[in-house]
N, C-alpha and C. Protein backbone atom coordinates (compact mmCIF):
# COMPACT_ATOMS: atom_id res chain seq x y z
N MET A 1 0.84 -1.17 0.00
CA MET A 1 0.00 0.00 0.00
C MET A 1 0.89 1.23 0.00
N GLN A 2 0.64 2.16 -0.89
CA GLN A 2 1.43 3.37 -0.99
C GLN A 2 0.53 4.57 -0.79
N ILE A 3 0.97 5.50 0.08
CA ILE A 3 0.21 6.71 0.37
C ILE A 3 1.07 7.90 -0.02
N SER A 4 0.52 8.81 -0.80
CA SER A 4 1.23 10.03 -1.18
C SER A 4 0.42 11.23 -0.74
N VAL A 5 1.10 12.21 -0.12
CA VAL A 5 0.44 13.41 0.38
C VAL A 5 1.31 14.61 -0.01
N ASP A 6 0.71 15.66 -0.55
CA ASP A 6 1.44 16.89 -0.88
C ASP A 6 1.09 17.92 0.18
N ILE A 7 2.08 18.32 0.98
CA ILE A 7 1.86 19.25 2.09
C ILE A 7 2.68 20.50 1.82
N LYS A 8 2.09 21.65 2.08
CA LYS A 8 2.75 22.93 1.81
C LYS A 8 3.43 23.49 3.05
N ALA A 9 3.89 22.64 3.92
CA ALA A 9 4.59 23.06 5.13
C ALA A 9 5.73 22.08 5.40
N PRO A 10 6.97 22.50 5.18
CA PRO A 10 8.09 21.58 5.34
C PRO A 10 8.19 20.97 6.74
N GLU A 11 7.95 21.78 7.79
CA GLU A 11 8.05 21.25 9.14
C GLU A 11 6.98 20.18 9.40
N LEU A 12 5.79 20.44 8.88
CA LEU A 12 4.71 19.47 9.02
C LEU A 12 5.06 18.20 8.26
N ALA A 13 5.61 18.37 7.09
CA ALA A 13 6.01 17.21 6.29
C ALA A 13 7.05 16.38 7.04
N ASN A 14 8.01 17.07 7.65
CA ASN A 14 9.04 16.35 8.43
C ASN A 14 8.42 15.61 9.61
N ALA A 15 7.47 16.27 10.28
CA ALA A 15 6.81 15.63 11.43
C ALA A 15 6.03 14.40 10.98
N ILE A 16 5.34 14.52 9.85
CA ILE A 16 4.57 13.39 9.35
C ILE A 16 5.50 12.25 8.92
N GLN A 17 6.62 12.60 8.30
CA GLN A 17 7.57 11.56 7.91
C GLN A 17 8.12 10.84 9.14
N ALA A 18 8.43 11.61 10.19
CA ALA A 18 8.93 11.00 11.42
C ALA A 18 7.87 10.09 12.03
N LEU A 19 6.62 10.55 12.00
CA LEU A 19 5.52 9.73 12.52
C LEU A 19 5.36 8.47 11.69
N ALA A 20 5.45 8.63 10.37
CA ALA A 20 5.31 7.48 9.48
C ALA A 20 6.42 6.45 9.75
N LYS A 21 7.63 6.93 9.98
CA LYS A 21 8.73 6.01 10.28
C LYS A 21 8.46 5.26 11.58
N ALA A 22 7.96 6.00 12.57
CA ALA A 22 7.69 5.37 13.87
C ALA A 22 6.58 4.34 13.77
N LEU A 23 5.60 4.61 12.94
CA LEU A 23 4.46 3.70 12.81
C LEU A 23 4.66 2.63 11.74
N ASN A 24 5.67 2.79 10.92
CA ASN A 24 5.87 1.91 9.78
C ASN A 24 6.47 0.58 10.23
N ASN A 25 5.61 -0.37 10.53
CA ASN A 25 6.10 -1.67 10.94
C ASN A 25 5.69 -2.77 9.98
N ASN A 26 5.06 -2.42 8.86
CA ASN A 26 4.70 -3.44 7.88
C ASN A 26 5.09 -3.03 6.47
N ASN A 27 6.18 -2.25 6.39
CA ASN A 27 6.79 -1.86 5.11
C ASN A 27 5.87 -1.06 4.19
N ASN A 28 4.91 -0.32 4.73
CA ASN A 28 4.12 0.59 3.90
C ASN A 28 5.00 1.77 3.52
N VAL A 29 4.80 2.34 2.36
CA VAL A 29 5.59 3.46 1.90
C VAL A 29 4.75 4.72 2.04
N VAL A 30 5.31 5.74 2.69
CA VAL A 30 4.62 7.01 2.86
C VAL A 30 5.51 8.07 2.25
N THR A 31 4.96 8.82 1.27
CA THR A 31 5.71 9.89 0.61
C THR A 31 5.02 11.20 0.91
N VAL A 32 5.79 12.19 1.34
CA VAL A 32 5.22 13.49 1.65
C VAL A 32 5.99 14.53 0.87
N GLY A 33 5.29 15.28 -0.01
CA GLY A 33 5.92 16.36 -0.76
C GLY A 33 5.74 17.66 -0.02
N THR A 34 6.59 18.66 -0.28
CA THR A 34 6.49 19.93 0.44
C THR A 34 6.45 21.10 -0.52
N ASN A 35 5.83 22.19 -0.05
CA ASN A 35 5.81 23.45 -0.76
C ASN A 35 5.73 24.53 0.31
N ALA A 36 6.67 25.41 0.39
CA ALA A 36 6.83 26.32 1.53
C ALA A 36 5.97 27.58 1.44
N SER A 37 4.72 27.52 1.03
CA SER A 37 3.91 28.73 0.90
C SER A 37 3.01 29.01 2.11
N ILE A 38 3.09 28.23 3.16
CA ILE A 38 2.27 28.45 4.36
C ILE A 38 3.05 29.34 5.33
N PRO A 39 2.37 30.30 6.00
CA PRO A 39 3.06 31.19 6.95
C PRO A 39 3.77 30.39 8.05
N GLU A 40 4.89 30.92 8.50
CA GLU A 40 5.76 30.23 9.47
C GLU A 40 5.03 29.88 10.76
N HIS A 41 4.20 30.79 11.32
CA HIS A 41 3.53 30.51 12.59
C HIS A 41 2.56 29.33 12.47
N GLU A 42 1.92 29.17 11.31
CA GLU A 42 1.02 28.02 11.12
C GLU A 42 1.80 26.73 11.05
N LYS A 43 2.99 26.79 10.44
CA LYS A 43 3.84 25.59 10.34
C LYS A 43 4.23 25.11 11.74
N LYS A 44 4.65 26.05 12.60
CA LYS A 44 5.09 25.68 13.96
C LYS A 44 3.94 25.07 14.75
N GLU A 45 2.76 25.71 14.69
CA GLU A 45 1.60 25.20 15.44
C GLU A 45 1.24 23.80 14.99
N THR A 46 1.24 23.56 13.69
CA THR A 46 0.87 22.25 13.16
C THR A 46 1.91 21.20 13.52
N THR A 47 3.19 21.59 13.43
CA THR A 47 4.26 20.66 13.78
C THR A 47 4.17 20.28 15.26
N GLN A 48 3.93 21.26 16.13
CA GLN A 48 3.81 20.98 17.56
C GLN A 48 2.63 20.06 17.83
N ALA A 49 1.52 20.29 17.15
CA ALA A 49 0.35 19.44 17.34
C ALA A 49 0.65 18.01 16.93
N MET A 50 1.35 17.83 15.82
CA MET A 50 1.69 16.48 15.36
C MET A 50 2.65 15.79 16.33
N GLU A 51 3.63 16.53 16.84
CA GLU A 51 4.58 15.95 17.79
C GLU A 51 3.88 15.53 19.07
N THR A 52 2.96 16.37 19.55
CA THR A 52 2.19 16.04 20.76
C THR A 52 1.37 14.78 20.54
N LYS A 53 0.73 14.68 19.39
CA LYS A 53 -0.08 13.51 19.08
C LYS A 53 0.79 12.25 19.02
N ALA A 54 1.97 12.36 18.43
CA ALA A 54 2.87 11.21 18.33
C ALA A 54 3.32 10.76 19.72
N LYS A 55 3.57 11.72 20.63
CA LYS A 55 3.98 11.37 22.00
C LYS A 55 2.84 10.66 22.73
N LYS A 56 1.61 11.13 22.53
CA LYS A 56 0.47 10.52 23.19
C LYS A 56 0.25 9.09 22.71
N MET A 57 0.61 8.82 21.47
CA MET A 57 0.43 7.47 20.94
C MET A 57 1.35 6.48 21.65
N ASP A 58 2.49 6.94 22.17
CA ASP A 58 3.42 6.07 22.87
C ASP A 58 2.99 5.81 24.31
N LYS A 59 2.19 6.65 24.91
CA LYS A 59 1.81 6.55 26.32
C LYS A 59 1.07 5.27 26.68
N PRO A 60 0.10 4.77 25.88
CA PRO A 60 -0.60 3.56 26.29
C PRO A 60 0.34 2.37 26.54
N ALA A 61 1.37 2.25 25.76
CA ALA A 61 2.31 1.15 25.97
C ALA A 61 3.00 1.29 27.31
N GLU A 62 3.34 2.54 27.70
CA GLU A 62 3.98 2.76 28.99
C GLU A 62 3.04 2.41 30.13
N SER A 63 1.77 2.82 30.04
CA SER A 63 0.83 2.54 31.13
C SER A 63 0.54 1.05 31.23
N GLU A 64 0.51 0.34 30.10
CA GLU A 64 0.31 -1.11 30.14
C GLU A 64 1.47 -1.78 30.86
N ALA A 65 2.68 -1.32 30.63
CA ALA A 65 3.85 -1.90 31.30
C ALA A 65 3.76 -1.67 32.80
N LYS A 66 3.32 -0.48 33.21
CA LYS A 66 3.17 -0.19 34.64
C LYS A 66 2.10 -1.09 35.26
N GLN A 67 0.99 -1.33 34.54
CA GLN A 67 -0.07 -2.19 35.06
C GLN A 67 0.44 -3.61 35.24
N GLU A 68 1.23 -4.10 34.30
CA GLU A 68 1.77 -5.45 34.42
C GLU A 68 2.67 -5.56 35.63
N THR A 69 3.47 -4.53 35.90
CA THR A 69 4.35 -4.52 37.06
C THR A 69 3.53 -4.57 38.34
N LYS A 70 2.44 -3.81 38.39
CA LYS A 70 1.60 -3.79 39.58
C LYS A 70 0.96 -5.15 39.82
N LYS A 71 0.56 -5.84 38.76
CA LYS A 71 -0.09 -7.13 38.91
C LYS A 71 0.85 -8.18 39.50
N GLU A 72 2.14 -8.05 39.22
CA GLU A 72 3.10 -9.03 39.67
C GLU A 72 3.41 -8.92 41.16
N GLU A 73 3.23 -7.72 41.74
CA GLU A 73 3.52 -7.51 43.15
C GLU A 73 2.45 -8.17 44.01
N PRO A 74 2.84 -8.99 44.98
CA PRO A 74 1.83 -9.60 45.85
C PRO A 74 1.24 -8.55 46.79
N GLU A 75 -0.06 -8.61 46.95
CA GLU A 75 -0.74 -7.66 47.83
C GLU A 75 -0.80 -8.22 49.25
N ALA A 76 -0.74 -7.31 50.22
CA ALA A 76 -0.85 -7.72 51.61
C ALA A 76 -2.28 -8.20 51.85
N PRO A 77 -2.44 -9.23 52.67
CA PRO A 77 -3.80 -9.71 52.94
C PRO A 77 -4.63 -8.63 53.62
N ALA A 78 -5.83 -8.44 53.14
CA ALA A 78 -6.71 -7.41 53.68
C ALA A 78 -7.38 -7.91 54.96
N ILE A 79 -7.62 -6.98 55.86
CA ILE A 79 -8.31 -7.29 57.10
C ILE A 79 -9.73 -6.78 56.92
N SER A 80 -10.70 -7.60 57.22
CA SER A 80 -12.09 -7.19 57.02
C SER A 80 -12.57 -6.33 58.19
N LEU A 81 -13.60 -5.57 57.90
CA LEU A 81 -14.22 -4.72 58.91
C LEU A 81 -14.72 -5.56 60.08
N GLU A 82 -15.29 -6.73 59.76
CA GLU A 82 -15.83 -7.59 60.82
C GLU A 82 -14.75 -8.07 61.78
N VAL A 83 -13.57 -8.40 61.24
CA VAL A 83 -12.46 -8.86 62.09
C VAL A 83 -12.01 -7.73 63.00
N VAL A 84 -11.85 -6.54 62.44
CA VAL A 84 -11.41 -5.38 63.24
C VAL A 84 -12.45 -5.06 64.29
N ARG A 85 -13.71 -5.06 63.89
CA ARG A 85 -14.79 -4.75 64.83
C ARG A 85 -14.80 -5.74 65.99
N GLY A 86 -14.64 -7.02 65.69
CA GLY A 86 -14.63 -8.05 66.73
C GLY A 86 -13.47 -7.88 67.70
N LYS A 87 -12.27 -7.64 67.16
CA LYS A 87 -11.09 -7.46 68.02
C LYS A 87 -11.23 -6.22 68.90
N LEU A 88 -11.72 -5.12 68.31
CA LEU A 88 -11.88 -3.90 69.10
C LEU A 88 -12.99 -4.05 70.14
N ALA A 89 -14.03 -4.80 69.82
CA ALA A 89 -15.12 -5.02 70.79
C ALA A 89 -14.59 -5.81 71.98
N GLU A 90 -13.83 -6.87 71.71
CA GLU A 90 -13.24 -7.66 72.81
C GLU A 90 -12.34 -6.79 73.67
N PHE A 91 -11.50 -5.99 73.00
CA PHE A 91 -10.55 -5.14 73.71
C PHE A 91 -11.29 -4.09 74.55
N SER A 92 -12.31 -3.46 73.97
CA SER A 92 -13.06 -2.41 74.67
C SER A 92 -13.84 -2.97 75.85
N ALA A 93 -14.24 -4.24 75.77
CA ALA A 93 -15.01 -4.86 76.85
C ALA A 93 -14.19 -5.03 78.13
N GLN A 94 -12.88 -4.86 78.01
CA GLN A 94 -12.01 -5.02 79.18
C GLN A 94 -12.09 -3.83 80.14
N GLY A 95 -12.67 -2.73 79.68
CA GLY A 95 -12.83 -1.60 80.60
C GLY A 95 -12.66 -0.25 79.94
N LYS A 96 -12.84 0.78 80.77
CA LYS A 96 -12.79 2.17 80.31
C LYS A 96 -11.43 2.56 79.72
N PRO A 97 -10.30 2.16 80.32
CA PRO A 97 -9.01 2.55 79.74
C PRO A 97 -8.83 2.03 78.30
N GLN A 98 -9.31 0.81 78.08
CA GLN A 98 -9.20 0.24 76.73
C GLN A 98 -10.12 0.98 75.75
N GLN A 99 -11.28 1.37 76.22
CA GLN A 99 -12.19 2.13 75.37
C GLN A 99 -11.56 3.47 74.98
N MET A 100 -10.86 4.07 75.94
CA MET A 100 -10.20 5.35 75.68
C MET A 100 -9.05 5.17 74.66
N GLU A 101 -8.36 4.04 74.73
CA GLU A 101 -7.29 3.76 73.77
C GLU A 101 -7.86 3.64 72.35
N VAL A 102 -8.99 2.96 72.23
CA VAL A 102 -9.63 2.81 70.93
C VAL A 102 -10.04 4.18 70.40
N ARG A 103 -10.64 5.01 71.26
CA ARG A 103 -11.06 6.35 70.87
C ARG A 103 -9.85 7.17 70.40
N LYS A 104 -8.73 7.08 71.15
CA LYS A 104 -7.52 7.82 70.81
C LYS A 104 -6.97 7.36 69.45
N ALA A 105 -6.97 6.06 69.21
CA ALA A 105 -6.48 5.51 67.94
C ALA A 105 -7.36 5.98 66.78
N LEU A 106 -8.67 5.99 66.97
CA LEU A 106 -9.58 6.48 65.93
C LEU A 106 -9.30 7.95 65.63
N ASP A 107 -9.09 8.73 66.70
CA ASP A 107 -8.78 10.15 66.52
C ASP A 107 -7.49 10.34 65.72
N GLN A 108 -6.48 9.52 66.01
CA GLN A 108 -5.20 9.63 65.29
C GLN A 108 -5.38 9.37 63.80
N LEU A 109 -6.35 8.54 63.45
CA LEU A 109 -6.61 8.23 62.05
C LEU A 109 -7.65 9.18 61.44
N GLY A 110 -8.10 10.16 62.24
CA GLY A 110 -9.04 11.14 61.73
C GLY A 110 -10.45 10.60 61.57
N ALA A 111 -10.82 9.63 62.41
CA ALA A 111 -12.14 9.01 62.31
C ALA A 111 -12.90 9.19 63.61
N LYS A 112 -14.22 9.32 63.49
CA LYS A 112 -15.07 9.40 64.68
C LYS A 112 -15.59 8.04 65.07
N LYS A 113 -15.70 7.15 64.07
CA LYS A 113 -16.18 5.80 64.33
C LYS A 113 -15.45 4.84 63.39
N LEU A 114 -15.54 3.56 63.67
CA LEU A 114 -14.81 2.55 62.92
C LEU A 114 -15.12 2.59 61.43
N THR A 115 -16.36 2.82 61.06
CA THR A 115 -16.71 2.82 59.64
C THR A 115 -16.13 4.02 58.89
N ASP A 116 -15.62 5.02 59.63
CA ASP A 116 -14.95 6.16 58.99
C ASP A 116 -13.50 5.85 58.64
N VAL A 117 -12.96 4.76 59.17
CA VAL A 117 -11.56 4.39 58.93
C VAL A 117 -11.45 3.76 57.55
N ASP A 118 -10.44 4.17 56.80
CA ASP A 118 -10.15 3.60 55.48
C ASP A 118 -9.72 2.15 55.69
N PRO A 119 -10.27 1.20 54.93
CA PRO A 119 -9.90 -0.21 55.10
C PRO A 119 -8.40 -0.48 55.03
N LYS A 120 -7.66 0.32 54.29
CA LYS A 120 -6.21 0.11 54.23
C LYS A 120 -5.54 0.47 55.56
N ASP A 121 -6.25 1.19 56.43
CA ASP A 121 -5.69 1.59 57.72
C ASP A 121 -6.12 0.68 58.88
N TYR A 122 -6.85 -0.40 58.59
CA TYR A 122 -7.31 -1.29 59.66
C TYR A 122 -6.14 -1.87 60.46
N LYS A 123 -5.10 -2.30 59.77
CA LYS A 123 -3.95 -2.88 60.47
C LYS A 123 -3.31 -1.84 61.37
N GLN A 124 -3.16 -0.63 60.86
CA GLN A 124 -2.58 0.45 61.66
C GLN A 124 -3.43 0.73 62.90
N LEU A 125 -4.74 0.71 62.75
CA LEU A 125 -5.64 0.92 63.89
C LEU A 125 -5.40 -0.13 64.97
N LEU A 126 -5.34 -1.39 64.54
CA LEU A 126 -5.10 -2.46 65.51
C LEU A 126 -3.74 -2.31 66.17
N ASP A 127 -2.74 -1.91 65.38
CA ASP A 127 -1.40 -1.69 65.94
C ASP A 127 -1.40 -0.58 66.98
N LEU A 128 -2.17 0.49 66.71
CA LEU A 128 -2.22 1.61 67.65
C LEU A 128 -2.77 1.23 69.01
N VAL A 129 -3.67 0.28 69.05
CA VAL A 129 -4.23 -0.15 70.35
C VAL A 129 -3.48 -1.37 70.89
N GLY A 130 -2.48 -1.82 70.19
CA GLY A 130 -1.66 -2.94 70.68
C GLY A 130 -2.22 -4.31 70.37
N LEU A 131 -3.04 -4.41 69.35
CA LEU A 131 -3.61 -5.71 68.95
C LEU A 131 -2.94 -6.17 67.66
N SER A 132 -2.89 -7.49 67.49
CA SER A 132 -2.33 -8.03 66.24
C SER A 132 -3.45 -8.64 65.42
N VAL A 133 -3.15 -8.88 64.17
CA VAL A 133 -4.14 -9.41 63.24
C VAL A 133 -4.43 -10.85 63.51
């Protein structure tokens, strides 16, 4: 397949040729002719737009690589709300000092009640009151 385009902006033609080279992975031929009759400011704007578009085309591959890396990392086992609630209830049942410790730990995490605590902070909450998972 052969594509020919006549463009009246040399910088745009160069940008398109560079893009064609980058995208040319199946031996398609792209020919771009030039004619310098377009004002210089329009050439720069068009060239910049093409370069930006070419850069954006490379980004999905980068984000896919990052996602693959994230998938390979083992995640820490999550602690459920029910487990945390049960442990804190047992601890609080021991008396007023323990209830005050739970209240203080919730305050440190910026929560008024257990359901206000972010699930990723459950382990930290238990650690603050001296309980283990």
